[in-house]
Each structure stands twice: as structure tokens, then as C-alpha cells.
N, C-alpha and C. Protein backbone atom coordinates (compact mmCIF):
# COMPACT_ATOMS: atom_id res chain seq x y z
N PRO A 1 0.82 -1.21 0.00
CA PRO A 1 0.00 0.00 0.00
C PRO A 1 0.86 1.28 0.00
N GLU A 2 1.98 1.28 0.73
CA GLU A 2 2.81 2.48 0.78
C GLU A 2 3.45 2.77 -0.57
N LEU A 3 3.88 1.73 -1.28
CA LEU A 3 4.47 1.92 -2.60
C LEU A 3 3.43 2.47 -3.57
N LYS A 4 2.22 1.92 -3.54
CA LYS A 4 1.16 2.41 -4.41
C LYS A 4 0.83 3.87 -4.12
N ALA A 5 0.77 4.23 -2.84
CA ALA A 5 0.50 5.63 -2.47
C ALA A 5 1.63 6.53 -2.95
N ALA A 6 2.86 6.06 -2.86
CA ALA A 6 4.01 6.85 -3.33
C ALA A 6 3.93 7.07 -4.84
N ILE A 7 3.56 6.02 -5.58
CA ILE A 7 3.43 6.13 -7.04
C ILE A 7 2.29 7.09 -7.40
N ALA A 8 1.14 6.95 -6.72
CA ALA A 8 0.01 7.85 -6.99
C ALA A 8 0.38 9.29 -6.64
N ALA A 9 1.05 9.49 -5.52
CA ALA A 9 1.46 10.84 -5.13
C ALA A 9 2.42 11.42 -6.16
N LYS A 10 3.35 10.59 -6.67
CA LYS A 10 4.29 11.07 -7.68
C LYS A 10 3.54 11.43 -8.96
N THR A 11 2.58 10.61 -9.36
CA THR A 11 1.78 10.89 -10.55
C THR A 11 1.06 12.23 -10.38
N LEU A 12 0.48 12.46 -9.21
CA LEU A 12 -0.21 13.72 -8.97
C LEU A 12 0.78 14.89 -8.92
N ARG A 13 1.92 14.69 -8.26
CA ARG A 13 2.93 15.76 -8.19
C ARG A 13 3.46 16.12 -9.57
N ASP A 14 3.68 15.10 -10.42
CA ASP A 14 4.15 15.34 -11.79
C ASP A 14 3.14 16.14 -12.60
N SER A 15 1.90 16.15 -12.15
CA SER A 15 0.85 16.89 -12.83
C SER A 15 0.55 18.22 -12.14
N GLY A 16 1.40 18.61 -11.21
CA GLY A 16 1.26 19.92 -10.59
C GLY A 16 0.60 19.95 -9.22
N PHE A 17 0.27 18.79 -8.67
CA PHE A 17 -0.35 18.74 -7.35
C PHE A 17 0.74 18.69 -6.29
N GLU A 18 0.54 19.43 -5.22
CA GLU A 18 1.45 19.35 -4.09
C GLU A 18 0.86 18.37 -3.10
N CYS A 19 1.49 17.20 -2.96
CA CYS A 19 0.97 16.21 -2.03
C CYS A 19 2.07 15.23 -1.64
N ALA A 20 1.90 14.66 -0.47
CA ALA A 20 2.81 13.64 0.03
C ALA A 20 2.09 12.30 -0.01
N PRO A 21 2.83 11.19 -0.04
CA PRO A 21 2.17 9.89 0.00
C PRO A 21 1.21 9.72 1.18
N SER A 22 1.48 10.39 2.29
CA SER A 22 0.60 10.28 3.45
C SER A 22 -0.76 10.93 3.21
N GLN A 23 -0.89 11.73 2.16
CA GLN A 23 -2.16 12.38 1.83
C GLN A 23 -2.94 11.63 0.76
N VAL A 24 -2.40 10.53 0.26
CA VAL A 24 -3.00 9.81 -0.86
C VAL A 24 -3.40 8.41 -0.43
N LEU A 25 -4.60 8.02 -0.81
CA LEU A 25 -5.06 6.65 -0.63
C LEU A 25 -5.38 6.10 -2.02
N VAL A 26 -4.74 5.00 -2.39
CA VAL A 26 -4.93 4.41 -3.71
C VAL A 26 -6.16 3.50 -3.68
N THR A 27 -6.96 3.58 -4.75
CA THR A 27 -8.13 2.72 -4.90
C THR A 27 -8.04 2.04 -6.27
N ASN A 28 -8.97 1.13 -6.53
CA ASN A 28 -8.92 0.44 -7.83
C ASN A 28 -9.64 1.20 -8.92
N GLY A 29 -10.16 2.40 -8.62
CA GLY A 29 -10.80 3.22 -9.63
C GLY A 29 -11.40 4.47 -9.03
N GLY A 30 -11.87 5.36 -9.88
CA GLY A 30 -12.49 6.59 -9.41
C GLY A 30 -13.76 6.34 -8.62
N LYS A 31 -14.55 5.36 -9.07
CA LYS A 31 -15.78 5.02 -8.35
C LYS A 31 -15.48 4.64 -6.91
N HIS A 32 -14.46 3.83 -6.72
CA HIS A 32 -14.11 3.39 -5.38
C HIS A 32 -13.46 4.51 -4.57
N ALA A 33 -12.85 5.46 -5.23
CA ALA A 33 -12.34 6.63 -4.52
C ALA A 33 -13.51 7.40 -3.90
N VAL A 34 -14.57 7.60 -4.68
CA VAL A 34 -15.76 8.29 -4.16
C VAL A 34 -16.41 7.48 -3.05
N TYR A 35 -16.56 6.17 -3.24
CA TYR A 35 -17.13 5.29 -2.20
C TYR A 35 -16.35 5.45 -0.89
N THR A 36 -15.04 5.36 -1.00
CA THR A 36 -14.19 5.38 0.19
C THR A 36 -14.23 6.74 0.88
N ALA A 37 -14.26 7.80 0.11
CA ALA A 37 -14.35 9.14 0.71
C ALA A 37 -15.62 9.26 1.54
N PHE A 38 -16.74 8.79 1.00
CA PHE A 38 -17.99 8.89 1.76
C PHE A 38 -18.04 7.91 2.92
N ALA A 39 -17.37 6.77 2.80
CA ALA A 39 -17.28 5.85 3.94
C ALA A 39 -16.59 6.52 5.12
N ALA A 40 -15.63 7.40 4.81
CA ALA A 40 -14.88 8.08 5.86
C ALA A 40 -15.61 9.30 6.41
N LEU A 41 -16.50 9.90 5.63
CA LEU A 41 -17.04 11.20 6.01
C LEU A 41 -18.52 11.21 6.38
N CYS A 42 -19.28 10.20 5.97
CA CYS A 42 -20.73 10.23 6.16
C CYS A 42 -21.23 9.04 6.95
N ASP A 43 -22.42 9.19 7.46
CA ASP A 43 -23.14 8.12 8.14
C ASP A 43 -24.45 7.86 7.41
N PRO A 44 -25.03 6.67 7.58
CA PRO A 44 -26.34 6.42 6.97
C PRO A 44 -27.35 7.48 7.41
N GLY A 45 -28.13 7.95 6.45
CA GLY A 45 -29.13 8.97 6.73
C GLY A 45 -28.66 10.39 6.50
N ASP A 46 -27.34 10.59 6.40
CA ASP A 46 -26.84 11.93 6.07
C ASP A 46 -27.28 12.30 4.66
N GLU A 47 -27.33 13.59 4.39
CA GLU A 47 -27.64 14.08 3.05
C GLU A 47 -26.38 14.64 2.41
N VAL A 48 -26.25 14.41 1.12
CA VAL A 48 -25.13 14.93 0.33
C VAL A 48 -25.72 15.68 -0.86
N ILE A 49 -25.33 16.93 -1.00
CA ILE A 49 -25.83 17.72 -2.13
C ILE A 49 -25.00 17.39 -3.36
N CYS A 50 -25.69 17.00 -4.42
CA CYS A 50 -25.07 16.53 -5.67
C CYS A 50 -25.70 17.27 -6.85
N ALA A 51 -24.99 17.26 -7.96
CA ALA A 51 -25.56 17.76 -9.21
C ALA A 51 -26.26 16.61 -9.93
N PRO A 52 -27.38 16.88 -10.59
CA PRO A 52 -28.06 15.80 -11.31
C PRO A 52 -27.35 15.39 -12.59
N TYR A 53 -26.48 16.26 -13.10
CA TYR A 53 -25.73 15.93 -14.32
C TYR A 53 -24.37 15.39 -13.91
N THR A 54 -24.26 14.07 -13.90
CA THR A 54 -23.04 13.42 -13.44
C THR A 54 -23.01 11.99 -13.95
N PHE A 55 -21.92 11.32 -13.69
CA PHE A 55 -21.82 9.89 -13.97
C PHE A 55 -22.39 9.14 -12.77
N SER A 56 -23.05 8.03 -13.00
CA SER A 56 -23.75 7.31 -11.94
C SER A 56 -22.84 6.91 -10.78
N ALA A 57 -21.56 6.65 -11.04
CA ALA A 57 -20.65 6.21 -9.98
C ALA A 57 -20.55 7.24 -8.85
N SER A 58 -20.65 8.51 -9.18
CA SER A 58 -20.59 9.54 -8.14
C SER A 58 -21.74 9.37 -7.15
N LEU A 59 -22.92 9.17 -7.66
CA LEU A 59 -24.10 9.01 -6.80
C LEU A 59 -24.07 7.68 -6.06
N LEU A 60 -23.56 6.65 -6.72
CA LEU A 60 -23.49 5.34 -6.07
C LEU A 60 -22.57 5.39 -4.86
N GLY A 61 -21.54 6.22 -4.90
CA GLY A 61 -20.66 6.38 -3.74
C GLY A 61 -21.40 6.93 -2.54
N VAL A 62 -22.34 7.82 -2.78
CA VAL A 62 -23.17 8.38 -1.71
C VAL A 62 -24.13 7.31 -1.20
N LEU A 63 -24.83 6.64 -2.12
CA LEU A 63 -25.82 5.63 -1.74
C LEU A 63 -25.18 4.43 -1.05
N TYR A 64 -23.99 4.06 -1.46
CA TYR A 64 -23.28 2.92 -0.88
C TYR A 64 -23.14 3.07 0.63
N LYS A 65 -22.93 4.27 1.09
CA LYS A 65 -22.78 4.53 2.52
C LYS A 65 -24.12 4.66 3.22
N GLY A 66 -25.21 4.68 2.47
CA GLY A 66 -26.53 4.84 3.08
C GLY A 66 -26.94 6.30 3.23
N ALA A 67 -26.16 7.18 2.63
CA ALA A 67 -26.52 8.60 2.64
C ALA A 67 -27.49 8.86 1.49
N MET A 68 -28.13 10.01 1.52
CA MET A 68 -29.14 10.34 0.52
C MET A 68 -28.67 11.49 -0.36
N PRO A 69 -28.60 11.27 -1.69
CA PRO A 69 -28.28 12.39 -2.58
C PRO A 69 -29.45 13.38 -2.64
N VAL A 70 -29.12 14.65 -2.58
CA VAL A 70 -30.10 15.73 -2.72
C VAL A 70 -29.60 16.57 -3.90
N PHE A 71 -30.43 16.72 -4.91
CA PHE A 71 -29.98 17.37 -6.14
C PHE A 71 -30.13 18.88 -6.11
N ALA A 72 -29.01 19.55 -6.41
CA ALA A 72 -29.00 20.99 -6.65
C ALA A 72 -28.74 21.15 -8.14
N ASP A 73 -29.54 21.91 -8.82
CA ASP A 73 -29.47 21.98 -10.28
C ASP A 73 -28.16 22.57 -10.77
N ILE A 74 -27.93 22.40 -12.06
CA ILE A 74 -26.70 22.87 -12.69
C ILE A 74 -26.89 24.27 -13.28
N ASP A 75 -25.78 24.91 -13.52
CA ASP A 75 -25.76 26.17 -14.25
C ASP A 75 -25.95 25.82 -15.73
N PRO A 76 -26.95 26.37 -16.42
CA PRO A 76 -27.21 25.97 -17.80
C PRO A 76 -26.10 26.38 -18.78
N LEU A 77 -25.22 27.28 -18.39
CA LEU A 77 -24.12 27.67 -19.27
C LEU A 77 -22.89 26.78 -19.11
N THR A 78 -22.65 26.29 -17.90
CA THR A 78 -21.43 25.50 -17.65
C THR A 78 -21.71 24.01 -17.46
N TYR A 79 -22.93 23.64 -17.18
CA TYR A 79 -23.33 22.26 -16.87
C TYR A 79 -22.69 21.76 -15.57
N GLN A 80 -22.18 22.68 -14.77
CA GLN A 80 -21.60 22.34 -13.47
C GLN A 80 -22.61 22.70 -12.37
N MET A 81 -22.43 22.13 -11.18
CA MET A 81 -23.28 22.43 -10.04
C MET A 81 -23.38 23.94 -9.85
N ASP A 82 -24.59 24.44 -9.67
CA ASP A 82 -24.83 25.87 -9.50
C ASP A 82 -24.80 26.21 -8.01
N PRO A 83 -23.78 26.92 -7.53
CA PRO A 83 -23.71 27.25 -6.10
C PRO A 83 -24.95 27.98 -5.59
N ALA A 84 -25.59 28.77 -6.42
CA ALA A 84 -26.80 29.48 -6.00
C ALA A 84 -27.92 28.50 -5.63
N LYS A 85 -27.91 27.33 -6.24
CA LYS A 85 -28.94 26.32 -5.95
C LYS A 85 -28.55 25.44 -4.77
N VAL A 86 -27.27 25.38 -4.44
CA VAL A 86 -26.78 24.50 -3.37
C VAL A 86 -27.29 24.95 -2.01
N GLU A 87 -27.12 26.22 -1.71
CA GLU A 87 -27.45 26.70 -0.36
C GLU A 87 -28.92 26.47 -0.02
N ALA A 88 -29.81 26.57 -0.99
CA ALA A 88 -31.24 26.36 -0.75
C ALA A 88 -31.56 24.91 -0.39
N LYS A 89 -30.66 23.98 -0.70
CA LYS A 89 -30.90 22.56 -0.44
C LYS A 89 -30.37 22.09 0.92
N ILE A 90 -29.67 22.94 1.63
CA ILE A 90 -29.05 22.54 2.90
C ILE A 90 -30.11 22.40 3.99
N THR A 91 -30.05 21.28 4.70
CA THR A 91 -30.94 21.00 5.84
C THR A 91 -30.06 20.61 7.03
N PRO A 92 -30.65 20.43 8.19
CA PRO A 92 -29.84 19.97 9.34
C PRO A 92 -29.18 18.59 9.11
N ARG A 93 -29.69 17.79 8.18
CA ARG A 93 -29.10 16.48 7.90
C ARG A 93 -28.00 16.53 6.84
N THR A 94 -27.78 17.68 6.23
CA THR A 94 -26.76 17.79 5.18
C THR A 94 -25.38 17.66 5.81
N LYS A 95 -24.57 16.77 5.24
CA LYS A 95 -23.22 16.52 5.75
C LYS A 95 -22.14 16.95 4.77
N ALA A 96 -22.46 16.90 3.46
CA ALA A 96 -21.41 17.14 2.47
C ALA A 96 -21.99 17.69 1.17
N ILE A 97 -21.08 18.22 0.38
CA ILE A 97 -21.38 18.66 -0.99
C ILE A 97 -20.47 17.88 -1.91
N LEU A 98 -21.01 17.39 -3.02
CA LEU A 98 -20.25 16.61 -4.00
C LEU A 98 -20.26 17.32 -5.34
N PRO A 99 -19.30 18.24 -5.56
CA PRO A 99 -19.19 18.82 -6.90
C PRO A 99 -18.49 17.83 -7.82
N VAL A 100 -19.07 17.59 -8.98
CA VAL A 100 -18.48 16.71 -9.98
C VAL A 100 -18.06 17.59 -11.14
N HIS A 101 -16.78 17.68 -11.37
CA HIS A 101 -16.25 18.52 -12.44
C HIS A 101 -16.35 17.73 -13.75
N ILE A 102 -17.34 18.05 -14.55
CA ILE A 102 -17.67 17.29 -15.75
C ILE A 102 -16.91 17.82 -16.97
N CYS A 103 -16.42 16.91 -17.80
CA CYS A 103 -15.82 17.22 -19.10
C CYS A 103 -14.66 18.21 -19.03
N GLY A 104 -13.91 18.17 -17.94
CA GLY A 104 -12.74 19.04 -17.82
C GLY A 104 -13.04 20.43 -17.34
N TYR A 105 -14.30 20.74 -17.06
CA TYR A 105 -14.68 22.07 -16.61
C TYR A 105 -14.79 22.11 -15.09
N ALA A 106 -14.56 23.28 -14.53
CA ALA A 106 -14.57 23.45 -13.08
C ALA A 106 -15.90 23.97 -12.57
N THR A 107 -16.37 23.36 -11.49
CA THR A 107 -17.46 23.93 -10.71
C THR A 107 -16.90 25.18 -10.03
N ASP A 108 -17.73 26.13 -9.68
CA ASP A 108 -17.29 27.34 -8.99
C ASP A 108 -16.91 26.97 -7.55
N MET A 109 -15.68 26.48 -7.38
CA MET A 109 -15.25 25.97 -6.09
C MET A 109 -15.07 27.06 -5.04
N GLU A 110 -14.74 28.25 -5.45
CA GLU A 110 -14.60 29.32 -4.45
C GLU A 110 -15.94 29.55 -3.75
N ARG A 111 -17.00 29.59 -4.51
CA ARG A 111 -18.35 29.78 -3.93
C ARG A 111 -18.80 28.54 -3.17
N ILE A 112 -18.53 27.35 -3.71
CA ILE A 112 -18.90 26.11 -3.01
C ILE A 112 -18.21 26.06 -1.64
N MET A 113 -16.94 26.42 -1.60
CA MET A 113 -16.21 26.38 -0.34
C MET A 113 -16.72 27.43 0.65
N GLU A 114 -17.13 28.59 0.18
CA GLU A 114 -17.75 29.58 1.06
C GLU A 114 -18.99 29.00 1.73
N ILE A 115 -19.82 28.35 0.92
CA ILE A 115 -21.05 27.74 1.44
C ILE A 115 -20.70 26.63 2.43
N ALA A 116 -19.74 25.80 2.09
CA ALA A 116 -19.34 24.69 2.98
C ALA A 116 -18.84 25.22 4.32
N ARG A 117 -18.00 26.24 4.28
CA ARG A 117 -17.49 26.81 5.54
C ARG A 117 -18.62 27.41 6.37
N LYS A 118 -19.51 28.12 5.72
CA LYS A 118 -20.63 28.76 6.42
C LYS A 118 -21.50 27.73 7.15
N HIS A 119 -21.68 26.55 6.54
CA HIS A 119 -22.57 25.52 7.10
C HIS A 119 -21.81 24.33 7.69
N ASN A 120 -20.49 24.44 7.80
CA ASN A 120 -19.66 23.38 8.36
C ASN A 120 -19.86 22.04 7.65
N LEU A 121 -19.74 22.05 6.32
CA LEU A 121 -19.95 20.85 5.51
C LEU A 121 -18.64 20.35 4.92
N GLN A 122 -18.55 19.05 4.71
CA GLN A 122 -17.44 18.43 4.01
C GLN A 122 -17.64 18.64 2.51
N VAL A 123 -16.56 18.66 1.74
CA VAL A 123 -16.65 18.76 0.29
C VAL A 123 -15.80 17.65 -0.32
N VAL A 124 -16.45 16.77 -1.07
CA VAL A 124 -15.78 15.68 -1.78
C VAL A 124 -15.82 16.04 -3.26
N GLU A 125 -14.66 16.37 -3.82
CA GLU A 125 -14.61 16.74 -5.24
C GLU A 125 -14.40 15.49 -6.09
N ASP A 126 -15.27 15.28 -7.07
CA ASP A 126 -15.07 14.22 -8.06
C ASP A 126 -14.33 14.87 -9.23
N VAL A 127 -13.04 14.56 -9.33
CA VAL A 127 -12.17 15.17 -10.34
C VAL A 127 -11.84 14.15 -11.44
N CYS A 128 -12.60 13.07 -11.50
CA CYS A 128 -12.28 11.98 -12.44
C CYS A 128 -12.21 12.45 -13.89
N GLN A 129 -12.95 13.49 -14.24
CA GLN A 129 -12.94 13.98 -15.62
C GLN A 129 -12.24 15.33 -15.77
N ALA A 130 -11.54 15.79 -14.73
CA ALA A 130 -10.98 17.14 -14.81
C ALA A 130 -9.60 17.28 -14.15
N HIS A 131 -8.78 16.24 -14.24
CA HIS A 131 -7.42 16.35 -13.72
C HIS A 131 -6.76 17.56 -14.37
N MET A 132 -5.93 18.23 -13.66
CA MET A 132 -5.11 19.33 -14.16
C MET A 132 -5.90 20.58 -14.52
N THR A 133 -7.21 20.61 -14.26
CA THR A 133 -7.96 21.84 -14.41
C THR A 133 -7.76 22.64 -13.14
N ALA A 134 -7.59 23.94 -13.28
CA ALA A 134 -7.30 24.79 -12.12
C ALA A 134 -8.18 26.04 -12.13
N ILE A 135 -8.35 26.60 -10.95
CA ILE A 135 -9.01 27.88 -10.77
C ILE A 135 -7.99 28.81 -10.13
N LYS A 136 -7.62 29.87 -10.84
CA LYS A 136 -6.63 30.83 -10.36
C LYS A 136 -5.36 30.12 -9.87
N GLY A 137 -4.91 29.12 -10.63
CA GLY A 137 -3.67 28.42 -10.32
C GLY A 137 -3.79 27.31 -9.28
N LYS A 138 -4.97 27.10 -8.74
CA LYS A 138 -5.16 26.04 -7.74
C LYS A 138 -5.90 24.88 -8.40
N ASN A 139 -5.29 23.68 -8.35
CA ASN A 139 -5.86 22.51 -9.02
C ASN A 139 -7.17 22.06 -8.39
N LEU A 140 -8.09 21.62 -9.25
CA LEU A 140 -9.29 20.96 -8.74
C LEU A 140 -8.85 19.71 -7.99
N GLY A 141 -9.60 19.36 -6.99
CA GLY A 141 -9.25 18.22 -6.15
C GLY A 141 -8.50 18.65 -4.90
N THR A 142 -8.14 19.95 -4.83
CA THR A 142 -7.43 20.46 -3.66
C THR A 142 -8.24 21.51 -2.91
N PHE A 143 -9.43 21.79 -3.34
CA PHE A 143 -10.27 22.77 -2.65
C PHE A 143 -10.99 22.13 -1.47
N GLY A 144 -11.59 20.98 -1.67
CA GLY A 144 -12.43 20.36 -0.66
C GLY A 144 -11.67 19.51 0.34
N THR A 145 -12.43 18.72 1.09
CA THR A 145 -11.87 17.80 2.06
C THR A 145 -11.06 16.72 1.35
N THR A 146 -11.60 16.24 0.23
CA THR A 146 -10.93 15.23 -0.57
C THR A 146 -11.12 15.53 -2.05
N GLY A 147 -10.18 15.03 -2.84
CA GLY A 147 -10.31 15.03 -4.29
C GLY A 147 -10.24 13.58 -4.74
N CYS A 148 -11.19 13.14 -5.53
CA CYS A 148 -11.25 11.75 -6.00
C CYS A 148 -10.88 11.70 -7.48
N PHE A 149 -9.90 10.86 -7.81
CA PHE A 149 -9.34 10.78 -9.14
C PHE A 149 -9.51 9.39 -9.73
N SER A 150 -9.61 9.34 -11.07
CA SER A 150 -9.59 8.09 -11.81
C SER A 150 -8.42 8.12 -12.78
N PHE A 151 -7.72 7.00 -12.87
CA PHE A 151 -6.61 6.87 -13.81
C PHE A 151 -6.95 5.89 -14.93
N GLN A 152 -8.22 5.64 -15.14
CA GLN A 152 -8.70 4.72 -16.17
C GLN A 152 -8.28 5.23 -17.54
N THR A 153 -8.16 4.35 -18.50
CA THR A 153 -7.55 4.69 -19.79
C THR A 153 -8.25 5.80 -20.57
N SER A 154 -9.52 6.06 -20.33
CA SER A 154 -10.21 7.13 -21.07
C SER A 154 -10.12 8.49 -20.35
N LYS A 155 -9.44 8.54 -19.24
CA LYS A 155 -9.36 9.79 -18.46
C LYS A 155 -8.16 10.62 -18.88
N VAL A 156 -8.06 11.82 -18.32
CA VAL A 156 -7.02 12.77 -18.67
C VAL A 156 -5.62 12.28 -18.26
N MET A 157 -5.52 11.60 -17.11
CA MET A 157 -4.23 11.06 -16.63
C MET A 157 -4.31 9.54 -16.59
N PRO A 158 -4.28 8.88 -17.75
CA PRO A 158 -4.43 7.42 -17.74
C PRO A 158 -3.13 6.72 -17.35
N ILE A 159 -3.27 5.73 -16.50
CA ILE A 159 -2.15 4.83 -16.21
C ILE A 159 -2.64 3.39 -16.31
N GLY A 160 -3.70 3.19 -17.08
CA GLY A 160 -4.26 1.86 -17.28
C GLY A 160 -5.54 1.69 -16.52
N GLU A 161 -5.44 1.72 -15.21
CA GLU A 161 -6.62 1.56 -14.34
C GLU A 161 -6.23 2.07 -12.98
N GLY A 162 -7.19 2.29 -12.13
CA GLY A 162 -6.91 2.71 -10.77
C GLY A 162 -7.51 4.07 -10.47
N GLY A 163 -7.36 4.45 -9.22
CA GLY A 163 -7.85 5.73 -8.76
C GLY A 163 -7.13 6.13 -7.49
N ALA A 164 -7.44 7.29 -7.00
CA ALA A 164 -6.82 7.76 -5.76
C ALA A 164 -7.70 8.82 -5.11
N ILE A 165 -7.54 8.92 -3.80
CA ILE A 165 -8.15 9.99 -3.04
C ILE A 165 -7.01 10.86 -2.54
N LEU A 166 -7.12 12.14 -2.77
CA LEU A 166 -6.18 13.11 -2.23
C LEU A 166 -6.86 13.79 -1.05
N PHE A 167 -6.32 13.57 0.14
CA PHE A 167 -6.84 14.23 1.34
C PHE A 167 -6.11 15.55 1.46
N THR A 168 -6.84 16.65 1.52
CA THR A 168 -6.20 17.96 1.48
C THR A 168 -5.50 18.31 2.78
N SER A 169 -5.81 17.64 3.88
CA SER A 169 -5.05 17.88 5.10
C SER A 169 -4.39 16.57 5.54
N ARG A 170 -5.16 15.65 6.06
CA ARG A 170 -4.61 14.35 6.45
C ARG A 170 -5.69 13.30 6.25
N LYS A 171 -5.27 12.04 6.16
CA LYS A 171 -6.25 10.98 6.00
C LYS A 171 -7.07 10.84 7.28
N PRO A 172 -8.39 10.77 7.16
CA PRO A 172 -9.18 10.52 8.36
C PRO A 172 -8.99 9.07 8.79
N GLY A 173 -8.91 8.82 10.06
CA GLY A 173 -8.70 7.46 10.55
C GLY A 173 -9.96 6.61 10.48
N ARG A 174 -11.11 7.26 10.48
CA ARG A 174 -12.39 6.57 10.54
C ARG A 174 -12.71 5.85 9.24
N ASN A 175 -12.88 4.55 9.30
CA ASN A 175 -13.38 3.74 8.18
C ASN A 175 -12.53 3.76 6.92
N VAL A 176 -11.30 4.19 6.99
CA VAL A 176 -10.47 4.22 5.77
C VAL A 176 -9.43 3.14 5.85
């Protein structure tokens, strides 16, 4: 496991990410990266705000843990989660926000993070389709609590198969 984390960290560093192997957990794919992130951050019955325009694996990661996806609509110009719609969906059961950066484009992470801080929410970024996309020089996958990556052959950073979770501070000990 340590060698795999070192290789994944090197792959991410070579692509401009600042991370140490201790911040990376290797998975067998992007779907499992999302599953594992929610296993560490959510409990059954928690709500996770998601965009309805996404790949099914993102939502399955939420459902796998027994949490409930709550849809916040997309911005019709960018097809990314609309931060203006996110805040209206927050309830006392909301635990996290799941921005999925579709087709290499970035969700408005500065606004998403403002909302998350205001409501004390976790943010799990699905970066499987947007490696190396940045906002003002900061890579996607480094804004939230975790960034979930896929290295599958059709993705931006293919290494055959596999995935990784980048923990922006440290790996949570719970359920990981």
C-alpha cells in the first residue's frame, strides 16, 4: 500500500499537485475513490448535495454509505453544479457537498467552499474527468476535504486503471 501511495502521489505531483504519499489513498478506480471518501465522512441517513448531471458512480458512492443524494441543479451555461442552488438545499441532515467537475470544466469551487465553511460541511470533489484543471492556479481536487481521481484509460491522466483519493489535510482514521 505504501508503494502504491508513493506512485500515486508522484503521478499527482508530476501533474502539478502538491501532495505527500501520506495524503493519498490508492483505490482500484475513481468510483471506489468516491465510495471510500464517503465511507470516511458520512453516516447512513446523512444528506449529500449533488448535481443531477453526473456519472452514476458519483451518486453510487453516496448511496453505498446509506446517505441520501439531494440534487442541486446545474448552471445551464457550464453544466456544473450551480452554487446558488446548493445553499437552498441545505438542511440539518446535510453533511457534504459533492461537486463533480464534468468534461474538464470546473465547478465554482470558491463559492462552493464559502457555502461549505458557512454551514460546516465536508466537500468531496469528483475530479475523475478534470485532472489538471485549475481555478486561479489552484488545481481541482485540492479545494475540498478530498479530491477523488480516476486513472482509467479514457481519463485525462491514464495509467491503465486505478484511482486515488487526495486528502487535502490528512487521511481521516475513521473507516479508511
